[in-house]
C-alpha atoms as a PDB file:
ATOM      1  CA  MET A   1       7.026  56.792  -8.149  1.00  0.00           C
ATOM      2  CA  ALA A   2       4.168  55.126 -10.016  1.00  0.00           C
ATOM      3  CA  LYS A   3       3.581  56.037 -13.640  1.00  0.00           C
ATOM      4  CA  LEU A   4       0.201  55.978 -15.318  1.00  0.00           C
ATOM      5  CA  ILE A   5      -0.302  56.135 -19.080  1.00  0.00           C
ATOM      6  CA  ILE A   6      -3.691  57.119 -20.497  1.00  0.00           C
ATOM      7  CA  LYS A   7      -4.450  56.423 -24.147  1.00  0.00           C
ATOM      8  CA  LYS A   8      -5.658  59.437 -26.129  1.00  0.00           C
ATOM      9  CA  GLU A   9      -8.976  57.733 -26.906  1.00  0.00           C
ATOM     10  CA  ASP A  10      -9.566  57.296 -23.140  1.00  0.00           C
ATOM     11  CA  LEU A  11      -9.104  60.988 -22.346  1.00  0.00           C
ATOM     12  CA  PRO A  12     -12.177  62.988 -21.314  1.00  0.00           C
ATOM     13  CA  PRO A  13     -13.778  65.454 -23.733  1.00  0.00           C
ATOM     14  CA  VAL A  14     -11.794  68.591 -24.485  1.00  0.00           C
ATOM     15  CA  SER A  15     -12.578  71.686 -22.440  1.00  0.00           C
ATOM     16  CA  GLY A  16     -13.299  74.462 -24.923  1.00  0.00           C
ATOM     17  CA  SER A  17     -12.602  77.287 -22.507  1.00  0.00           C
ATOM     18  CA  SER A  18      -9.140  76.053 -21.509  1.00  0.00           C
ATOM     19  CA  GLU A  19      -8.298  74.271 -24.807  1.00  0.00           C
ATOM     20  CA  SER A  20      -7.071  71.276 -22.836  1.00  0.00           C
ATOM     21  CA  TYR A  21      -7.945  67.882 -21.444  1.00  0.00           C
ATOM     22  CA  PRO A  22      -8.784  68.287 -17.733  1.00  0.00           C
ATOM     23  CA  ILE A  23      -7.333  65.353 -15.775  1.00  0.00           C
ATOM     24  CA  ARG A  24      -7.525  64.445 -12.113  1.00  0.00           C
ATOM     25  CA  TYR A  25      -6.882  61.206 -10.306  1.00  0.00           C
ATOM     26  CA  ARG A  26      -7.898  59.585  -7.036  1.00  0.00           C
ATOM     27  CA  LEU A  27      -5.669  57.702  -4.610  1.00  0.00           C
ATOM     28  CA  VAL A  28      -7.452  55.096  -2.500  1.00  0.00           C
ATOM     29  CA  SER A  29      -6.136  52.879   0.296  1.00  0.00           C
ATOM     30  CA  GLU A  30      -5.807  49.158  -0.454  1.00  0.00           C
ATOM     31  CA  ASP A  31      -8.816  48.287   1.692  1.00  0.00           C
ATOM     32  CA  LYS A  32     -10.730  51.124  -0.037  1.00  0.00           C
ATOM     33  CA  SER A  33     -12.113  52.511   3.200  1.00  0.00           C
ATOM     34  CA  LYS A  34      -9.340  54.153   5.246  1.00  0.00           C
ATOM     35  CA  PHE A  35      -8.559  57.126   3.047  1.00  0.00           C
ATOM     36  CA  SER A  36      -8.836  58.576  -0.385  1.00  0.00           C
ATOM     37  CA  TYR A  37      -7.484  61.718  -1.990  1.00  0.00           C
ATOM     38  CA  TRP A  38      -8.453  63.574  -5.165  1.00  0.00           C
ATOM     39  CA  SER A  39      -5.688  65.359  -7.005  1.00  0.00           C
ATOM     40  CA  PRO A  40      -6.045  68.905  -8.257  1.00  0.00           C
ATOM     41  CA  ILE A  41      -7.212  69.182 -11.868  1.00  0.00           C
ATOM     42  CA  PHE A  42      -4.327  69.171 -14.331  1.00  0.00           C
ATOM     43  CA  ASN A  43      -4.876  70.577 -17.819  1.00  0.00           C
ATOM     44  CA  ILE A  44      -3.080  68.807 -20.652  1.00  0.00           C
ATOM     45  CA  PRO A  45      -2.871  71.328 -23.513  1.00  0.00           C
ATOM     46  CA  ILE A  46      -3.874  70.237 -26.982  1.00  0.00           C
ATOM     47  CA  GLN A  47      -2.642  71.332 -30.378  1.00  0.00           C
ATOM     48  CA  ARG A  48      -5.239  72.357 -32.973  1.00  0.00           C
ATOM     49  CA  ASP A  49      -4.086  72.030 -36.535  1.00  0.00           C
ATOM     50  CA  TYR A  50      -7.383  72.490 -38.346  1.00  0.00           C
ATOM     51  CA  THR A  51      -7.987  74.906 -41.184  1.00  0.00           C
ATOM     52  CA  VAL A  52     -11.515  76.274 -41.363  1.00  0.00           C
ATOM     53  CA  VAL A  53     -13.143  75.058 -44.580  1.00  0.00           C
ATOM     54  CA  ALA A  54     -16.128  76.581 -46.406  1.00  0.00           C
ATOM     55  CA  LEU A  55     -19.173  74.357 -46.002  1.00  0.00           C
ATOM     56  CA  PRO A  56     -21.425  73.761 -49.028  1.00  0.00           C
ATOM     57  CA  VAL A  57     -25.072  74.466 -48.182  1.00  0.00           C
ATOM     58  CA  SER A  58     -28.113  73.496 -50.227  1.00  0.00           C
ATOM     59  CA  HIS A  59     -31.798  74.188 -49.808  1.00  0.00           C
ATOM     60  CA  SER A  60     -34.967  72.762 -51.248  1.00  0.00           C
ATOM     61  CA  GLY A  61     -38.326  74.253 -50.369  1.00  0.00           C
ATOM     62  CA  THR A  62     -38.281  74.867 -46.616  1.00  0.00           C
ATOM     63  CA  ILE A  63     -35.310  72.574 -45.840  1.00  0.00           C
ATOM     64  CA  VAL A  64     -31.656  73.669 -45.584  1.00  0.00           C
ATOM     65  CA  SER A  65     -28.954  70.962 -45.634  1.00  0.00           C
ATOM     66  CA  ALA A  66     -25.194  70.768 -45.221  1.00  0.00           C
ATOM     67  CA  VAL A  67     -22.767  67.861 -45.551  1.00  0.00           C
ATOM     68  CA  TRP A  68     -19.131  67.935 -44.459  1.00  0.00           C
ATOM     69  CA  ASN A  69     -16.135  65.616 -44.541  1.00  0.00           C
ATOM     70  CA  ILE A  70     -15.479  63.543 -41.443  1.00  0.00           C
ATOM     71  CA  VAL A  71     -12.492  64.902 -39.510  1.00  0.00           C
ATOM     72  CA  ALA A  72     -10.013  62.328 -38.130  1.00  0.00           C
ATOM     73  CA  ASN A  73     -10.135  61.909 -34.333  1.00  0.00           C
ATOM     74  CA  VAL A  74     -13.349  63.952 -34.028  1.00  0.00           C
ATOM     75  CA  ASN A  75     -16.247  61.868 -32.733  1.00  0.00           C
ATOM     76  CA  SER A  76     -18.989  64.486 -32.585  1.00  0.00           C
ATOM     77  CA  TYR A  77     -19.757  67.962 -33.851  1.00  0.00           C
ATOM     78  CA  ASP A  78     -21.545  70.997 -32.403  1.00  0.00           C
ATOM     79  CA  VAL A  79     -23.755  72.678 -35.006  1.00  0.00           C
ATOM     80  CA  TRP A  80     -24.499  76.425 -34.729  1.00  0.00           C
ATOM     81  CA  VAL A  81     -26.851  78.272 -37.068  1.00  0.00           C
ATOM     82  CA  ARG A  82     -27.821  81.869 -37.691  1.00  0.00           C
ATOM     83  CA  TRP A  83     -30.917  82.990 -39.573  1.00  0.00           C
ATOM     84  CA  GLY A  84     -31.246  86.542 -40.845  1.00  0.00           C
ATOM     85  CA  LYS A  85     -31.874  89.138 -43.524  1.00  0.00           C
ATOM     86  CA  PRO A  86     -29.467  91.604 -45.146  1.00  0.00           C
ATOM     87  CA  ALA A  87     -30.074  94.383 -42.593  1.00  0.00           C
ATOM     88  CA  GLN A  88     -30.673  91.928 -39.718  1.00  0.00           C
ATOM     89  CA  PRO A  89     -27.849  89.367 -39.528  1.00  0.00           C
ATOM     90  CA  GLY A  90     -29.494  87.353 -36.720  1.00  0.00           C
ATOM     91  CA  ASP A  91     -28.131  85.655 -33.603  1.00  0.00           C
ATOM     92  CA  TRP A  92     -26.022  82.496 -33.452  1.00  0.00           C
ATOM     93  CA  LEU A  93     -27.973  79.619 -31.900  1.00  0.00           C
ATOM     94  CA  PHE A  94     -26.784  76.160 -30.896  1.00  0.00           C
ATOM     95  CA  LEU A  95     -28.785  73.739 -33.061  1.00  0.00           C
ATOM     96  CA  GLN A  96     -27.532  70.340 -31.957  1.00  0.00           C
ATOM     97  CA  ASN A  97     -24.692  67.955 -31.275  1.00  0.00           C
ATOM     98  CA  THR A  98     -24.305  65.184 -33.840  1.00  0.00           C
ATOM     99  CA  SER A  99     -21.978  62.299 -34.582  1.00  0.00           C
ATOM    100  CA  ASN A 100     -23.088  62.374 -38.236  1.00  0.00           C
ATOM    101  CA  ASN A 101     -21.446  64.472 -40.927  1.00  0.00           C
ATOM    102  CA  SER A 102     -24.633  66.105 -42.177  1.00  0.00           C
ATOM    103  CA  ILE A 103     -27.451  68.285 -40.947  1.00  0.00           C
ATOM    104  CA  SER A 104     -30.891  69.254 -42.266  1.00  0.00           C
ATOM    105  CA  THR A 105     -33.167  71.809 -40.683  1.00  0.00           C
ATOM    106  CA  ILE A 106     -36.404  73.604 -41.491  1.00  0.00           C
ATOM    107  CA  ILE A 107     -36.304  77.296 -42.380  1.00  0.00           C
ATOM    108  CA  PRO A 108     -38.097  79.023 -39.488  1.00  0.00           C
ATOM    109  CA  SER A 109     -40.942  81.512 -39.903  1.00  0.00           C
ATOM    110  CA  GLU A 110     -39.198  83.937 -37.494  1.00  0.00           C
ATOM    111  CA  PHE A 111     -35.712  84.494 -36.080  1.00  0.00           C
ATOM    112  CA  TYR A 112     -33.808  86.416 -33.404  1.00  0.00           C
ATOM    113  CA  ASN A 113     -31.706  89.490 -34.137  1.00  0.00           C
ATOM    114  CA  GLY A 114     -29.933  91.151 -31.219  1.00  0.00           C
ATOM    115  CA  GLY A 115     -32.081  89.113 -28.815  1.00  0.00           C
ATOM    116  CA  VAL A 116     -35.294  90.496 -30.355  1.00  0.00           C
ATOM    117  CA  LEU A 117     -37.749  88.206 -32.148  1.00  0.00           C
ATOM    118  CA  VAL A 118     -38.240  89.212 -35.806  1.00  0.00           C
ATOM    119  CA  SER A 119     -41.591  87.945 -37.082  1.00  0.00           C
ATOM    120  CA  SER A 120     -40.652  87.343 -40.698  1.00  0.00           C
ATOM    121  CA  THR A 121     -39.081  84.484 -42.604  1.00  0.00           C
ATOM    122  CA  PRO A 122     -35.284  84.845 -42.937  1.00  0.00           C
ATOM    123  CA  ASN A 123     -33.602  84.743 -46.342  1.00  0.00           C
ATOM    124  CA  ARG A 124     -30.003  84.309 -45.116  1.00  0.00           C
ATOM    125  CA  PHE A 125     -28.493  81.235 -43.446  1.00  0.00           C
ATOM    126  CA  SER A 126     -25.115  80.847 -41.735  1.00  0.00           C
ATOM    127  CA  ILE A 127     -23.715  77.670 -40.211  1.00  0.00           C
ATOM    128  CA  ARG A 128     -20.650  76.750 -38.175  1.00  0.00           C
ATOM    129  CA  ILE A 129     -19.477  73.240 -37.351  1.00  0.00           C
ATOM    130  CA  TYR A 130     -17.234  72.831 -34.301  1.00  0.00           C
ATOM    131  CA  GLU A 131     -15.507  69.885 -32.707  1.00  0.00           C
ATOM    132  CA  THR A 132     -17.618  69.113 -29.642  1.00  0.00           C
ATOM    133  CA  THR A 133     -16.281  70.640 -26.440  1.00  0.00           C
ATOM    134  CA  TYR A 134     -17.655  71.252 -22.987  1.00  0.00           C
ATOM    135  CA  SER A 135     -17.153  73.787 -20.238  1.00  0.00           C
ATOM    136  CA  ILE A 136     -16.164  72.874 -16.702  1.00  0.00           C
ATOM    137  CA  ALA A 137     -18.758  74.056 -14.197  1.00  0.00           C
ATOM    138  CA  VAL A 138     -20.298  72.777 -11.015  1.00  0.00           C
ATOM    139  CA  TYR A 139     -23.749  74.358 -11.051  1.00  0.00           C
ATOM    140  CA  PRO A 140     -25.544  75.626 -12.999  1.00  0.00           C
ATOM    141  CA  ALA A 141     -24.236  73.905 -16.096  1.00  0.00           C
ATOM    142  CA  PRO A 142     -23.176  76.488 -18.678  1.00  0.00           C
ATOM    143  CA  ALA A 143     -24.852  76.827 -22.024  1.00  0.00           C
ATOM    144  CA  LYS A 144     -22.957  75.697 -25.086  1.00  0.00           C
ATOM    145  CA  ALA A 145     -20.352  78.163 -26.299  1.00  0.00           C
ATOM    146  CA  GLN A 146     -18.449  78.711 -29.539  1.00  0.00           C
ATOM    147  CA  TYR A 147     -14.673  78.276 -29.199  1.00  0.00           C
ATOM    148  CA  ALA A 148     -12.774  79.539 -32.254  1.00  0.00           C
ATOM    149  CA  PRO A 149      -9.880  77.023 -32.045  1.00  0.00           C
ATOM    150  CA  PHE A 150     -12.392  74.179 -32.513  1.00  0.00           C
ATOM    151  CA  LEU A 151     -14.132  75.633 -35.595  1.00  0.00           C
ATOM    152  CA  LEU A 152     -13.949  73.166 -38.492  1.00  0.00           C
ATOM    153  CA  TYR A 153     -16.430  74.376 -41.130  1.00  0.00           C
ATOM    154  CA  GLU A 154     -18.212  77.661 -41.774  1.00  0.00           C
ATOM    155  CA  THR A 155     -20.510  79.258 -44.320  1.00  0.00           C
ATOM    156  CA  LEU A 156     -21.813  82.776 -43.747  1.00  0.00           C
ATOM    157  CA  ASN A 157     -24.871  84.526 -45.222  1.00  0.00           C
ATOM    158  CA  HIS A 158     -25.956  81.882 -47.714  1.00  0.00           C
ATOM    159  CA  THR A 159     -29.038  83.160 -49.582  1.00  0.00           C
ATOM    160  CA  ILE A 160     -32.070  80.897 -49.153  1.00  0.00           C
END
């Protein structure tokens, strides 16, 4: 039986929903035209050994910034933010994917709370930094999701 070894850096992105690397292979005839066969998808489980760390946040005028330490073997980060007020905590929103270890964003003039637009400037800011993951789907592609095992940094209800 043939044996194939895949280096960790050559593995596909981690699937957040299954907390694994989804792998499948294709067998093709030598002449590449008589037959081919795709294997079922195999999930290689991963071990998460991260401890969630508080993320220092600063603000100046209408800009909020955060800088975090680079995590070994993490190539990109998903950044989630939440704007709110004391009685209106706000909704978590995916801000962006970044390969940098910092983020700056403008304080909005309105925010969402419970799916309802609140037309006032928030005075609370929360941020979560996750290792980038993806969800397996054919169509339509799913929206980004927060997967707790991949949370690296978090700061909740920072006053701005």
